[in-house]
């Protein structure tokens, strides 16, 4: 990779970071509103880890390997499908019901943020 190509890549990343929120930012915002700061920090850490892995994979030529090997591309594609199915099944089987609205949203939000929970004597 030439320095010009790398600088173009960095400029594109900077433009993406400066644009309105994307899916990662919306996920972080929704988790922080729904579950509090601690869960949003885990989401941020996961997002940064995924971005780092993508950059490392790209820098070591994963794209070139995929381009030259149809079998490698097939494996990566089906691993991605399996991961998405696992996430979907986990969401479907979870106890969270996204359509339900709490009677007092502020109380539900403060309980979700509280590490102690509603059993705390001051609640």
PDB file of N, CA and C in Angstrom:
ATOM      1  N   UNK A   1       0.856  -1.174   0.000  1.00  0.00           N
ATOM      2  CA  UNK A   1       0.000   0.000   0.000  1.00  0.00           C
ATOM      3  C   UNK A   1       0.898   1.232   0.000  1.00  0.00           C
ATOM      4  N   UNK A   2       0.592   2.129  -0.894  1.00  0.00           N
ATOM      5  CA  UNK A   2       1.384   3.368  -0.973  1.00  0.00           C
ATOM      6  C   UNK A   2       0.913   4.346   0.097  1.00  0.00           C
ATOM      7  N   UNK A   3       1.747   5.322   0.391  1.00  0.00           N
ATOM      8  CA  UNK A   3       1.395   6.330   1.391  1.00  0.00           C
ATOM      9  C   UNK A   3       0.196   7.155   0.928  1.00  0.00           C
ATOM     10  N   UNK A   4       0.071   7.379  -0.375  1.00  0.00           N
ATOM     11  CA  UNK A   4      -1.067   8.128  -0.895  1.00  0.00           C
ATOM     12  C   UNK A   4      -2.378   7.382  -0.660  1.00  0.00           C
ATOM     13  N   UNK A   5      -2.360   6.074  -0.894  1.00  0.00           N
ATOM     14  CA  UNK A   5      -3.552   5.262  -0.665  1.00  0.00           C
ATOM     15  C   UNK A   5      -3.920   5.254   0.817  1.00  0.00           C
ATOM     16  N   UNK A   6      -2.907   5.135   1.680  1.00  0.00           N
ATOM     17  CA  UNK A   6      -3.161   5.127   3.116  1.00  0.00           C
ATOM     18  C   UNK A   6      -3.725   6.470   3.578  1.00  0.00           C
ATOM     19  N   UNK A   7      -3.213   7.563   3.060  1.00  0.00           N
ATOM     20  CA  UNK A   7      -3.719   8.879   3.437  1.00  0.00           C
ATOM     21  C   UNK A   7      -5.152   9.064   2.942  1.00  0.00           C
ATOM     22  N   UNK A   8      -5.454   8.555   1.759  1.00  0.00           N
ATOM     23  CA  UNK A   8      -6.829   8.596   1.251  1.00  0.00           C
ATOM     24  C   UNK A   8      -7.761   7.791   2.162  1.00  0.00           C
ATOM     25  N   UNK A   9      -7.286   6.639   2.618  1.00  0.00           N
ATOM     26  CA  UNK A   9      -8.063   5.818   3.553  1.00  0.00           C
ATOM     27  C   UNK A   9      -8.320   6.585   4.847  1.00  0.00           C
ATOM     28  N   UNK A  10      -7.304   7.201   5.413  1.00  0.00           N
ATOM     29  CA  UNK A  10      -7.474   7.968   6.645  1.00  0.00           C
ATOM     30  C   UNK A  10      -8.439   9.136   6.449  1.00  0.00           C
ATOM     31  N   UNK A  11      -8.378   9.795   5.292  1.00  0.00           N
ATOM     32  CA  UNK A  11      -9.310  10.896   5.014  1.00  0.00           C
ATOM     33  C   UNK A  11     -10.746  10.377   4.933  1.00  0.00           C
ATOM     34  N   UNK A  12     -10.940   9.217   4.320  1.00  0.00           N
ATOM     35  CA  UNK A  12     -12.286   8.639   4.234  1.00  0.00           C
ATOM     36  C   UNK A  12     -12.808   8.276   5.620  1.00  0.00           C
ATOM     37  N   UNK A  13     -11.961   7.727   6.476  1.00  0.00           N
ATOM     38  CA  UNK A  13     -12.371   7.393   7.837  1.00  0.00           C
ATOM     39  C   UNK A  13     -12.750   8.665   8.591  1.00  0.00           C
ATOM     40  N   UNK A  14     -11.977   9.734   8.418  1.00  0.00           N
ATOM     41  CA  UNK A  14     -12.286  10.996   9.088  1.00  0.00           C
ATOM     42  C   UNK A  14     -13.629  11.552   8.633  1.00  0.00           C
ATOM     43  N   UNK A  15     -13.937  11.426   7.351  1.00  0.00           N
ATOM     44  CA  UNK A  15     -15.227  11.891   6.840  1.00  0.00           C
ATOM     45  C   UNK A  15     -16.360  11.074   7.450  1.00  0.00           C
ATOM     46  N   UNK A  16     -16.168   9.761   7.546  1.00  0.00           N
ATOM     47  CA  UNK A  16     -17.210   8.911   8.141  1.00  0.00           C
ATOM     48  C   UNK A  16     -17.435   9.253   9.608  1.00  0.00           C
ATOM     49  N   UNK A  17     -16.368   9.576  10.332  1.00  0.00           N
ATOM     50  CA  UNK A  17     -16.527   9.941  11.735  1.00  0.00           C
ATOM     51  C   UNK A  17     -17.206  11.290  11.898  1.00  0.00           C
ATOM     52  N   UNK A  18     -17.088  12.161  10.924  1.00  0.00           N
ATOM     53  CA  UNK A  18     -17.657  13.506  11.024  1.00  0.00           C
ATOM     54  C   UNK A  18     -19.106  13.567  10.552  1.00  0.00           C
ATOM     55  N   UNK A  19     -19.602  12.527   9.916  1.00  0.00           N
ATOM     56  CA  UNK A  19     -20.966  12.535   9.389  1.00  0.00           C
ATOM     57  C   UNK A  19     -21.970  12.227  10.501  1.00  0.00           C
ATOM     58  N   UNK A  20     -23.264  12.420  10.220  1.00  0.00           N
ATOM     59  CA  UNK A  20     -24.292  12.121  11.233  1.00  0.00           C
ATOM     60  C   UNK A  20     -24.180  10.683  11.724  1.00  0.00           C
ATOM     61  N   UNK A  21     -24.812  10.405  12.858  1.00  0.00           N
ATOM     62  CA  UNK A  21     -24.644   9.089  13.480  1.00  0.00           C
ATOM     63  C   UNK A  21     -24.997   7.944  12.547  1.00  0.00           C
ATOM     64  N   UNK A  22     -24.160   6.944  12.596  1.00  0.00           N
ATOM     65  CA  UNK A  22     -24.406   5.725  11.846  1.00  0.00           C
ATOM     66  C   UNK A  22     -24.979   4.665  12.766  1.00  0.00           C
ATOM     67  N   UNK A  23     -24.959   3.443  12.304  1.00  0.00           N
ATOM     68  CA  UNK A  23     -25.557   2.362  13.080  1.00  0.00           C
ATOM     69  C   UNK A  23     -24.848   2.136  14.408  1.00  0.00           C
ATOM     70  N   UNK A  24     -23.531   2.237  14.423  1.00  0.00           N
ATOM     71  CA  UNK A  24     -22.795   2.031  15.675  1.00  0.00           C
ATOM     72  C   UNK A  24     -23.145   3.100  16.698  1.00  0.00           C
ATOM     73  N   UNK A  25     -23.172   4.348  16.253  1.00  0.00           N
ATOM     74  CA  UNK A  25     -23.487   5.435  17.178  1.00  0.00           C
ATOM     75  C   UNK A  25     -24.926   5.321  17.680  1.00  0.00           C
ATOM     76  N   UNK A  26     -25.851   4.953  16.807  1.00  0.00           N
ATOM     77  CA  UNK A  26     -27.242   4.793  17.232  1.00  0.00           C
ATOM     78  C   UNK A  26     -27.392   3.640  18.226  1.00  0.00           C
ATOM     79  N   UNK A  27     -26.643   2.558  18.016  1.00  0.00           N
ATOM     80  CA  UNK A  27     -26.669   1.448  18.960  1.00  0.00           C
ATOM     81  C   UNK A  27     -26.134   1.882  20.319  1.00  0.00           C
ATOM     82  N   UNK A  28     -25.048   2.631  20.329  1.00  0.00           N
ATOM     83  CA  UNK A  28     -24.465   3.115  21.578  1.00  0.00           C
ATOM     84  C   UNK A  28     -25.442   4.034  22.296  1.00  0.00           C
ATOM     85  N   UNK A  29     -26.060   4.941  21.565  1.00  0.00           N
ATOM     86  CA  UNK A  29     -27.030   5.864  22.173  1.00  0.00           C
ATOM     87  C   UNK A  29     -28.220   5.096  22.730  1.00  0.00           C
ATOM     88  N   UNK A  30     -28.753   4.151  21.956  1.00  0.00           N
ATOM     89  CA  UNK A  30     -29.932   3.414  22.437  1.00  0.00           C
ATOM     90  C   UNK A  30     -29.591   2.561  23.654  1.00  0.00           C
ATOM     91  N   UNK A  31     -28.408   1.932  23.682  1.00  0.00           N
ATOM     92  CA  UNK A  31     -28.026   1.149  24.858  1.00  0.00           C
ATOM     93  C   UNK A  31     -27.801   2.031  26.075  1.00  0.00           C
ATOM     94  N   UNK A  32     -27.256   3.215  25.880  1.00  0.00           N
ATOM     95  CA  UNK A  32     -27.025   4.091  27.032  1.00  0.00           C
ATOM     96  C   UNK A  32     -28.340   4.613  27.592  1.00  0.00           C
ATOM     97  N   UNK A  33     -29.305   4.900  26.720  1.00  0.00           N
ATOM     98  CA  UNK A  33     -30.611   5.360  27.199  1.00  0.00           C
ATOM     99  C   UNK A  33     -31.378   4.214  27.851  1.00  0.00           C
ATOM    100  N   UNK A  34     -31.307   3.047  27.250  1.00  0.00           N
ATOM    101  CA  UNK A  34     -32.097   1.919  27.730  1.00  0.00           C
ATOM    102  C   UNK A  34     -31.490   1.226  28.957  1.00  0.00           C
ATOM    103  N   UNK A  35     -30.136   1.106  28.963  1.00  0.00           N
ATOM    104  CA  UNK A  35     -29.501   0.296  29.998  1.00  0.00           C
ATOM    105  C   UNK A  35     -28.510   1.050  30.879  1.00  0.00           C
ATOM    106  N   UNK A  36     -28.234   2.302  30.590  1.00  0.00           N
ATOM    107  CA  UNK A  36     -27.315   3.073  31.420  1.00  0.00           C
ATOM    108  C   UNK A  36     -25.896   3.085  30.888  1.00  0.00           C
ATOM    109  N   UNK A  37     -25.052   3.786  31.617  1.00  0.00           N
ATOM    110  CA  UNK A  37     -23.681   4.035  31.178  1.00  0.00           C
ATOM    111  C   UNK A  37     -22.851   2.766  31.074  1.00  0.00           C
ATOM    112  N   UNK A  38     -22.965   1.878  32.038  1.00  0.00           N
ATOM    113  CA  UNK A  38     -22.110   0.680  32.048  1.00  0.00           C
ATOM    114  C   UNK A  38     -22.301  -0.156  30.795  1.00  0.00           C
ATOM    115  N   UNK A  39     -23.545  -0.412  30.400  1.00  0.00           N
ATOM    116  CA  UNK A  39     -23.788  -1.213  29.199  1.00  0.00           C
ATOM    117  C   UNK A  39     -23.337  -0.489  27.941  1.00  0.00           C
ATOM    118  N   UNK A  40     -23.472   0.846  27.926  1.00  0.00           N
ATOM    119  CA  UNK A  40     -23.027   1.574  26.740  1.00  0.00           C
ATOM    120  C   UNK A  40     -21.507   1.540  26.619  1.00  0.00           C
ATOM    121  N   UNK A  41     -20.799   1.500  27.733  1.00  0.00           N
ATOM    122  CA  UNK A  41     -19.335   1.387  27.679  1.00  0.00           C
ATOM    123  C   UNK A  41     -18.947   0.036  27.077  1.00  0.00           C
ATOM    124  N   UNK A  42     -19.675  -1.031  27.432  1.00  0.00           N
ATOM    125  CA  UNK A  42     -19.409  -2.332  26.828  1.00  0.00           C
ATOM    126  C   UNK A  42     -19.692  -2.303  25.328  1.00  0.00           C
ATOM    127  N   UNK A  43     -20.747  -1.611  24.929  1.00  0.00           N
ATOM    128  CA  UNK A  43     -21.069  -1.490  23.508  1.00  0.00           C
ATOM    129  C   UNK A  43     -19.974  -0.733  22.775  1.00  0.00           C
ATOM    130  N   UNK A  44     -19.486   0.351  23.377  1.00  0.00           N
ATOM    131  CA  UNK A  44     -18.406   1.126  22.770  1.00  0.00           C
ATOM    132  C   UNK A  44     -17.162   0.257  22.627  1.00  0.00           C
ATOM    133  N   UNK A  45     -16.831  -0.503  23.682  1.00  0.00           N
ATOM    134  CA  UNK A  45     -15.648  -1.372  23.627  1.00  0.00           C
ATOM    135  C   UNK A  45     -15.798  -2.421  22.522  1.00  0.00           C
ATOM    136  N   UNK A  46     -16.987  -2.999  22.395  1.00  0.00           N
ATOM    137  CA  UNK A  46     -17.218  -3.976  21.331  1.00  0.00           C
ATOM    138  C   UNK A  46     -17.116  -3.365  19.948  1.00  0.00           C
ATOM    139  N   UNK A  47     -17.649  -2.156  19.793  1.00  0.00           N
ATOM    140  CA  UNK A  47     -17.581  -1.472  18.506  1.00  0.00           C
ATOM    141  C   UNK A  47     -16.136  -1.148  18.134  1.00  0.00           C
ATOM    142  N   UNK A  48     -15.390  -0.649  19.097  1.00  0.00           N
ATOM    143  CA  UNK A  48     -13.979  -0.327  18.826  1.00  0.00           C
ATOM    144  C   UNK A  48     -13.172  -1.587  18.530  1.00  0.00           C
ATOM    145  N   UNK A  49     -13.484  -2.681  19.214  1.00  0.00           N
ATOM    146  CA  UNK A  49     -12.794  -3.944  18.942  1.00  0.00           C
ATOM    147  C   UNK A  49     -13.096  -4.420  17.528  1.00  0.00           C
ATOM    148  N   UNK A  50     -14.359  -4.355  17.131  1.00  0.00           N
ATOM    149  CA  UNK A  50     -14.731  -4.772  15.774  1.00  0.00           C
ATOM    150  C   UNK A  50     -14.055  -3.896  14.730  1.00  0.00           C
ATOM    151  N   UNK A  51     -14.035  -2.584  14.962  1.00  0.00           N
ATOM    152  CA  UNK A  51     -13.369  -1.688  14.012  1.00  0.00           C
ATOM    153  C   UNK A  51     -11.879  -1.987  13.933  1.00  0.00           C
ATOM    154  N   UNK A  52     -11.255  -2.259  15.074  1.00  0.00           N
ATOM    155  CA  UNK A  52      -9.827  -2.580  15.085  1.00  0.00           C
ATOM    156  C   UNK A  52      -9.550  -3.867  14.321  1.00  0.00           C
ATOM    157  N   UNK A  53     -10.387  -4.880  14.540  1.00  0.00           N
ATOM    158  CA  UNK A  53     -10.200  -6.138  13.823  1.00  0.00           C
ATOM    159  C   UNK A  53     -10.371  -5.958  12.318  1.00  0.00           C
ATOM    160  N   UNK A  54     -11.338  -5.132  11.925  1.00  0.00           N
ATOM    161  CA  UNK A  54     -11.523  -4.868  10.497  1.00  0.00           C
ATOM    162  C   UNK A  54     -10.305  -4.161   9.909  1.00  0.00           C
ATOM    163  N   UNK A  55      -9.771  -3.193  10.638  1.00  0.00           N
ATOM    164  CA  UNK A  55      -8.588  -2.475  10.124  1.00  0.00           C
ATOM    165  C   UNK A  55      -7.369  -3.392  10.053  1.00  0.00           C
ATOM    166  N   UNK A  56      -7.194  -4.241  11.069  1.00  0.00           N
ATOM    167  CA  UNK A  56      -6.069  -5.175  11.055  1.00  0.00           C
ATOM    168  C   UNK A  56      -6.226  -6.161   9.906  1.00  0.00           C
ATOM    169  N   UNK A  57      -7.447  -6.685   9.745  1.00  0.00           N
ATOM    170  CA  UNK A  57      -7.693  -7.616   8.645  1.00  0.00           C
ATOM    171  C   UNK A  57      -7.445  -6.977   7.290  1.00  0.00           C
ATOM    172  N   UNK A  58      -7.889  -5.747   7.134  1.00  0.00           N
ATOM    173  CA  UNK A  58      -7.671  -5.051   5.858  1.00  0.00           C
ATOM    174  C   UNK A  58      -6.187  -4.765   5.635  1.00  0.00           C
ATOM    175  N   UNK A  59      -5.498  -4.412   6.694  1.00  0.00           N
ATOM    176  CA  UNK A  59      -4.092  -4.066   6.513  1.00  0.00           C
ATOM    177  C   UNK A  59      -3.234  -5.294   6.223  1.00  0.00           C
ATOM    178  N   UNK A  60      -3.653  -6.471   6.658  1.00  0.00           N
ATOM    179  CA  UNK A  60      -2.887  -7.678   6.376  1.00  0.00           C
ATOM    180  C   UNK A  60      -3.363  -8.404   5.128  1.00  0.00           C
ATOM    181  N   UNK A  61      -4.201  -7.763   4.367  1.00  0.00           N
ATOM    182  CA  UNK A  61      -4.562  -8.300   3.063  1.00  0.00           C
ATOM    183  C   UNK A  61      -5.695  -9.297   3.065  1.00  0.00           C
ATOM    184  N   UNK A  62      -6.614  -9.203   4.019  1.00  0.00           N
ATOM    185  CA  UNK A  62      -7.760 -10.106   4.023  1.00  0.00           C
ATOM    186  C   UNK A  62      -8.556  -9.960   2.727  1.00  0.00           C
ATOM    187  N   UNK A  63      -8.662  -8.726   2.245  1.00  0.00           N
ATOM    188  CA  UNK A  63      -9.388  -8.503   0.991  1.00  0.00           C
ATOM    189  C   UNK A  63      -8.727  -9.258  -0.163  1.00  0.00           C
ATOM    190  N   UNK A  64      -7.414  -9.271  -0.189  1.00  0.00           N
ATOM    191  CA  UNK A  64      -6.706  -9.987  -1.253  1.00  0.00           C
ATOM    192  C   UNK A  64      -6.929 -11.493  -1.147  1.00  0.00           C
ATOM    193  N   UNK A  65      -6.942 -12.007   0.077  1.00  0.00           N
ATOM    194  CA  UNK A  65      -7.178 -13.443   0.273  1.00  0.00           C
ATOM    195  C   UNK A  65      -8.586 -13.807  -0.187  1.00  0.00           C
ATOM    196  N   UNK A  66      -9.552 -12.984   0.194  1.00  0.00           N
ATOM    197  CA  UNK A  66     -10.936 -13.248  -0.194  1.00  0.00           C
ATOM    198  C   UNK A  66     -11.084 -13.174  -1.711  1.00  0.00           C
ATOM    199  N   UNK A  67     -10.402 -12.214  -2.308  1.00  0.00           N
ATOM    200  CA  UNK A  67     -10.499 -12.037  -3.757  1.00  0.00           C
ATOM    201  C   UNK A  67      -9.921 -13.224  -4.517  1.00  0.00           C
ATOM    202  N   UNK A  68      -8.873 -13.824  -3.990  1.00  0.00           N
ATOM    203  CA  UNK A  68      -8.222 -14.920  -4.708  1.00  0.00           C
ATOM    204  C   UNK A  68      -8.777 -16.289  -4.348  1.00  0.00           C
ATOM    205  N   UNK A  69      -9.466 -16.402  -3.206  1.00  0.00           N
ATOM    206  CA  UNK A  69      -9.954 -17.709  -2.784  1.00  0.00           C
ATOM    207  C   UNK A  69     -11.465 -17.674  -2.599  1.00  0.00           C
ATOM    208  N   UNK A  70     -12.155 -18.364  -3.472  1.00  0.00           N
ATOM    209  CA  UNK A  70     -13.612 -18.444  -3.367  1.00  0.00           C
ATOM    210  C   UNK A  70     -14.018 -19.225  -2.119  1.00  0.00           C
ATOM    211  N   UNK A  71     -13.223 -20.206  -1.739  1.00  0.00           N
ATOM    212  CA  UNK A  71     -13.530 -20.995  -0.542  1.00  0.00           C
ATOM    213  C   UNK A  71     -13.427 -20.139   0.711  1.00  0.00           C
ATOM    214  N   UNK A  72     -12.380 -19.309   0.809  1.00  0.00           N
ATOM    215  CA  UNK A  72     -12.230 -18.427   1.970  1.00  0.00           C
ATOM    216  C   UNK A  72     -13.400 -17.445   2.045  1.00  0.00           C
ATOM    217  N   UNK A  73     -13.785 -16.895   0.911  1.00  0.00           N
ATOM    218  CA  UNK A  73     -14.919 -15.978   0.884  1.00  0.00           C
ATOM    219  C   UNK A  73     -16.191 -16.685   1.332  1.00  0.00           C
ATOM    220  N   UNK A  74     -16.402 -17.905   0.869  1.00  0.00           N
ATOM    221  CA  UNK A  74     -17.583 -18.668   1.251  1.00  0.00           C
ATOM    222  C   UNK A  74     -17.613 -18.914   2.763  1.00  0.00           C
ATOM    223  N   UNK A  75     -16.479 -19.312   3.351  1.00  0.00           N
ATOM    224  CA  UNK A  75     -16.411 -19.537   4.798  1.00  0.00           C
ATOM    225  C   UNK A  75     -16.699 -18.258   5.583  1.00  0.00           C
ATOM    226  N   UNK A  76     -16.101 -17.165   5.180  1.00  0.00           N
ATOM    227  CA  UNK A  76     -16.310 -15.893   5.882  1.00  0.00           C
ATOM    228  C   UNK A  76     -17.765 -15.470   5.782  1.00  0.00           C
ATOM    229  N   UNK A  77     -18.339 -15.635   4.601  1.00  0.00           N
ATOM    230  CA  UNK A  77     -19.737 -15.264   4.398  1.00  0.00           C
ATOM    231  C   UNK A  77     -20.658 -16.095   5.283  1.00  0.00           C
ATOM    232  N   UNK A  78     -20.478 -17.395   5.339  1.00  0.00           N
ATOM    233  CA  UNK A  78     -21.361 -18.250   6.126  1.00  0.00           C
ATOM    234  C   UNK A  78     -21.126 -18.103   7.631  1.00  0.00           C
ATOM    235  N   UNK A  79     -19.908 -17.775   8.035  1.00  0.00           N
ATOM    236  CA  UNK A  79     -19.674 -17.459   9.446  1.00  0.00           C
ATOM    237  C   UNK A  79     -20.437 -16.196   9.840  1.00  0.00           C
ATOM    238  N   UNK A  80     -20.457 -15.221   8.942  1.00  0.00           N
ATOM    239  CA  UNK A  80     -21.239 -14.002   9.187  1.00  0.00           C
ATOM    240  C   UNK A  80     -22.727 -14.292   9.271  1.00  0.00           C
ATOM    241  N   UNK A  81     -23.216 -15.158   8.410  1.00  0.00           N
ATOM    242  CA  UNK A  81     -24.632 -15.535   8.443  1.00  0.00           C
ATOM    243  C   UNK A  81     -24.953 -16.233   9.760  1.00  0.00           C
ATOM    244  N   UNK A  82     -24.097 -17.160  10.181  1.00  0.00           N
ATOM    245  CA  UNK A  82     -24.324 -17.882  11.439  1.00  0.00           C
ATOM    246  C   UNK A  82     -24.328 -16.921  12.618  1.00  0.00           C
ATOM    247  N   UNK A  83     -23.430 -15.945  12.596  1.00  0.00           N
ATOM    248  CA  UNK A  83     -23.375 -14.965  13.677  1.00  0.00           C
ATOM    249  C   UNK A  83     -24.662 -14.134  13.727  1.00  0.00           C
ATOM    250  N   UNK A  84     -25.145 -13.695  12.590  1.00  0.00           N
ATOM    251  CA  UNK A  84     -26.381 -12.914  12.551  1.00  0.00           C
ATOM    252  C   UNK A  84     -27.588 -13.744  12.996  1.00  0.00           C
ATOM    253  N   UNK A  85     -27.624 -15.016  12.622  1.00  0.00           N
ATOM    254  CA  UNK A  85     -28.712 -15.890  13.065  1.00  0.00           C
ATOM    255  C   UNK A  85     -28.646 -16.059  14.577  1.00  0.00           C
ATOM    256  N   UNK A  86     -27.453 -16.233  15.120  1.00  0.00           N
ATOM    257  CA  UNK A  86     -27.289 -16.376  16.575  1.00  0.00           C
ATOM    258  C   UNK A  86     -27.781 -15.120  17.292  1.00  0.00           C
ATOM    259  N   UNK A  87     -27.413 -13.942  16.786  1.00  0.00           N
ATOM    260  CA  UNK A  87     -27.875 -12.687  17.391  1.00  0.00           C
ATOM    261  C   UNK A  87     -29.397 -12.596  17.319  1.00  0.00           C
ATOM    262  N   UNK A  88     -29.970 -12.913  16.166  1.00  0.00           N
ATOM    263  CA  UNK A  88     -31.420 -12.862  16.008  1.00  0.00           C
ATOM    264  C   UNK A  88     -32.134 -13.808  16.950  1.00  0.00           C
ATOM    265  N   UNK A  89     -31.642 -15.041  17.072  1.00  0.00           N
ATOM    266  CA  UNK A  89     -32.256 -16.009  17.985  1.00  0.00           C
ATOM    267  C   UNK A  89     -32.139 -15.532  19.427  1.00  0.00           C
ATOM    268  N   UNK A  90     -30.998 -14.960  19.772  1.00  0.00           N
ATOM    269  CA  UNK A  90     -30.810 -14.444  21.126  1.00  0.00           C
ATOM    270  C   UNK A  90     -31.807 -13.321  21.423  1.00  0.00           C
ATOM    271  N   UNK A  91     -32.016 -12.436  20.473  1.00  0.00           N
ATOM    272  CA  UNK A  91     -32.965 -11.343  20.671  1.00  0.00           C
ATOM    273  C   UNK A  91     -34.403 -11.852  20.753  1.00  0.00           C
ATOM    274  N   UNK A  92     -34.739 -12.815  19.924  1.00  0.00           N
ATOM    275  CA  UNK A  92     -36.099 -13.361  19.933  1.00  0.00           C
ATOM    276  C   UNK A  92     -36.384 -14.083  21.249  1.00  0.00           C
ATOM    277  N   UNK A  93     -35.410 -14.808  21.761  1.00  0.00           N
ATOM    278  CA  UNK A  93     -35.607 -15.597  22.973  1.00  0.00           C
ATOM    279  C   UNK A  93     -35.361 -14.817  24.258  1.00  0.00           C
ATOM    280  N   UNK A  94     -34.908 -13.577  24.151  1.00  0.00           N
ATOM    281  CA  UNK A  94     -34.630 -12.799  25.357  1.00  0.00           C
ATOM    282  C   UNK A  94     -35.929 -12.341  26.006  1.00  0.00           C
ATOM    283  N   UNK A  95     -35.825 -11.929  27.264  1.00  0.00           N
ATOM    284  CA  UNK A  95     -36.998 -11.484  28.014  1.00  0.00           C
ATOM    285  C   UNK A  95     -37.375 -10.042  27.710  1.00  0.00           C
ATOM    286  N   UNK A  96     -36.493  -9.300  27.060  1.00  0.00           N
ATOM    287  CA  UNK A  96     -36.809  -7.912  26.727  1.00  0.00           C
ATOM    288  C   UNK A  96     -37.933  -7.874  25.706  1.00  0.00           C
ATOM    289  N   UNK A  97     -38.895  -7.006  25.956  1.00  0.00           N
ATOM    290  CA  UNK A  97     -40.000  -6.825  25.026  1.00  0.00           C
ATOM    291  C   UNK A  97     -39.943  -5.388  24.537  1.00  0.00           C
ATOM    292  N   UNK A  98     -39.366  -5.158  23.348  1.00  0.00           N
ATOM    293  CA  UNK A  98     -39.152  -3.794  22.884  1.00  0.00           C
ATOM    294  C   UNK A  98     -40.427  -3.007  22.641  1.00  0.00           C
ATOM    295  N   UNK A  99     -41.564  -3.661  22.423  1.00  0.00           N
ATOM    296  CA  UNK A  99     -42.802  -2.946  22.167  1.00  0.00           C
ATOM    297  C   UNK A  99     -43.472  -2.412  23.416  1.00  0.00           C
ATOM    298  N   UNK A 100     -43.093  -2.936  24.576  1.00  0.00           N
ATOM    299  CA  UNK A 100     -43.729  -2.513  25.815  1.00  0.00           C
ATOM    300  C   UNK A 100     -43.107  -1.214  26.322  1.00  0.00           C
ATOM    301  N   UNK A 101     -43.959  -0.361  26.860  1.00  0.00           N
ATOM    302  CA  UNK A 101     -43.505   0.904  27.417  1.00  0.00           C
ATOM    303  C   UNK A 101     -43.807   0.877  28.907  1.00  0.00           C
ATOM    304  N   UNK A 102     -42.839   1.294  29.710  1.00  0.00           N
ATOM    305  CA  UNK A 102     -43.033   1.292  31.158  1.00  0.00           C
ATOM    306  C   UNK A 102     -44.065   2.349  31.535  1.00  0.00           C
ATOM    307  N   UNK A 103     -44.788   2.093  32.642  1.00  0.00           N
ATOM    308  CA  UNK A 103     -45.783   3.054  33.126  1.00  0.00           C
ATOM    309  C   UNK A 103     -45.105   4.366  33.498  1.00  0.00           C
ATOM    310  N   UNK A 104     -43.939   4.297  34.120  1.00  0.00           N
ATOM    311  CA  UNK A 104     -43.167   5.491  34.463  1.00  0.00           C
ATOM    312  C   UNK A 104     -41.780   5.339  33.844  1.00  0.00           C
ATOM    313  N   UNK A 105     -41.578   5.857  32.613  1.00  0.00           N
ATOM    314  CA  UNK A 105     -40.310   5.644  31.916  1.00  0.00           C
ATOM    315  C   UNK A 105     -39.102   6.164  32.686  1.00  0.00           C
ATOM    316  N   UNK A 106     -39.249   7.266  33.418  1.00  0.00           N
ATOM    317  CA  UNK A 106     -38.107   7.806  34.158  1.00  0.00           C
ATOM    318  C   UNK A 106     -37.704   6.886  35.298  1.00  0.00           C
ATOM    319  N   UNK A 107     -38.679   6.289  35.978  1.00  0.00           N
ATOM    320  CA  UNK A 107     -38.357   5.351  37.053  1.00  0.00           C
ATOM    321  C   UNK A 107     -37.683   4.110  36.491  1.00  0.00           C
ATOM    322  N   UNK A 108     -38.186   3.614  35.362  1.00  0.00           N
ATOM    323  CA  UNK A 108     -37.579   2.435  34.741  1.00  0.00           C
ATOM    324  C   UNK A 108     -36.157   2.738  34.292  1.00  0.00           C
ATOM    325  N   UNK A 109     -35.929   3.939  33.784  1.00  0.00           N
ATOM    326  CA  UNK A 109     -34.604   4.322  33.337  1.00  0.00           C
ATOM    327  C   UNK A 109     -33.647   4.431  34.509  1.00  0.00           C
ATOM    328  N   UNK A 110     -34.088   5.026  35.618  1.00  0.00           N
ATOM    329  CA  UNK A 110     -33.195   5.161  36.769  1.00  0.00           C
ATOM    330  C   UNK A 110     -32.886   3.811  37.383  1.00  0.00           C
ATOM    331  N   UNK A 111     -33.845   2.865  37.363  1.00  0.00           N
ATOM    332  CA  UNK A 111     -33.580   1.523  37.870  1.00  0.00           C
ATOM    333  C   UNK A 111     -32.591   0.794  36.974  1.00  0.00           C
ATOM    334  N   UNK A 112     -32.696   1.000  35.669  1.00  0.00           N
ATOM    335  CA  UNK A 112     -31.774   0.350  34.751  1.00  0.00           C
ATOM    336  C   UNK A 112     -30.364   0.891  34.921  1.00  0.00           C
ATOM    337  N   UNK A 113     -30.234   2.157  35.262  1.00  0.00           N
ATOM    338  CA  UNK A 113     -28.918   2.764  35.439  1.00  0.00           C
ATOM    339  C   UNK A 113     -28.316   2.448  36.793  1.00  0.00           C
ATOM    340  N   UNK A 114     -29.146   2.169  37.773  1.00  0.00           N
ATOM    341  CA  UNK A 114     -28.668   1.953  39.129  1.00  0.00           C
ATOM    342  C   UNK A 114     -27.984   0.593  39.242  1.00  0.00           C
ATOM    343  N   UNK A 115     -26.734   0.550  39.731  1.00  0.00           N
ATOM    344  CA  UNK A 115     -26.078  -0.745  39.877  1.00  0.00           C
ATOM    345  C   UNK A 115     -26.675  -1.544  41.031  1.00  0.00           C
ATOM    346  N   UNK A 116     -27.388  -0.878  41.929  1.00  0.00           N
ATOM    347  CA  UNK A 116     -27.944  -1.536  43.100  1.00  0.00           C
ATOM    348  C   UNK A 116     -29.324  -2.105  42.793  1.00  0.00           C
ATOM    349  N   UNK A 117     -30.112  -1.402  41.994  1.00  0.00           N
ATOM    350  CA  UNK A 117     -31.443  -1.856  41.641  1.00  0.00           C
ATOM    351  C   UNK A 117     -32.480  -1.255  42.557  1.00  0.00           C
ATOM    352  N   UNK A 118     -33.714  -1.713  42.420  1.00  0.00           N
ATOM    353  CA  UNK A 118     -34.825  -1.123  43.154  1.00  0.00           C
ATOM    354  C   UNK A 118     -34.877  -1.570  44.610  1.00  0.00           C
ATOM    355  N   UNK A 119     -34.049  -2.516  45.026  1.00  0.00           N
ATOM    356  CA  UNK A 119     -34.078  -2.965  46.418  1.00  0.00           C
ATOM    357  C   UNK A 119     -33.314  -2.014  47.347  1.00  0.00           C
ATOM    358  N   UNK A 120     -32.694  -1.007  46.783  1.00  0.00           N
ATOM    359  CA  UNK A 120     -31.961  -0.033  47.594  1.00  0.00           C
ATOM    360  C   UNK A 120     -32.938   0.718  48.491  1.00  0.00           C
ATOM    361  N   UNK A 121     -32.623   0.942  49.784  1.00  0.00           N
ATOM    362  CA  UNK A 121     -33.579   1.571  50.707  1.00  0.00           C
ATOM    363  C   UNK A 121     -33.973   2.993  50.342  1.00  0.00           C
ATOM    364  N   UNK A 122     -33.178   3.691  49.576  1.00  0.00           N
ATOM    365  CA  UNK A 122     -33.522   5.067  49.225  1.00  0.00           C
ATOM    366  C   UNK A 122     -34.460   5.156  48.026  1.00  0.00           C
ATOM    367  N   UNK A 123     -34.767   4.048  47.396  1.00  0.00           N
ATOM    368  CA  UNK A 123     -35.660   4.088  46.219  1.00  0.00           C
ATOM    369  C   UNK A 123     -37.082   4.054  46.645  1.00  0.00           C
TER     370      UNK A 123
END
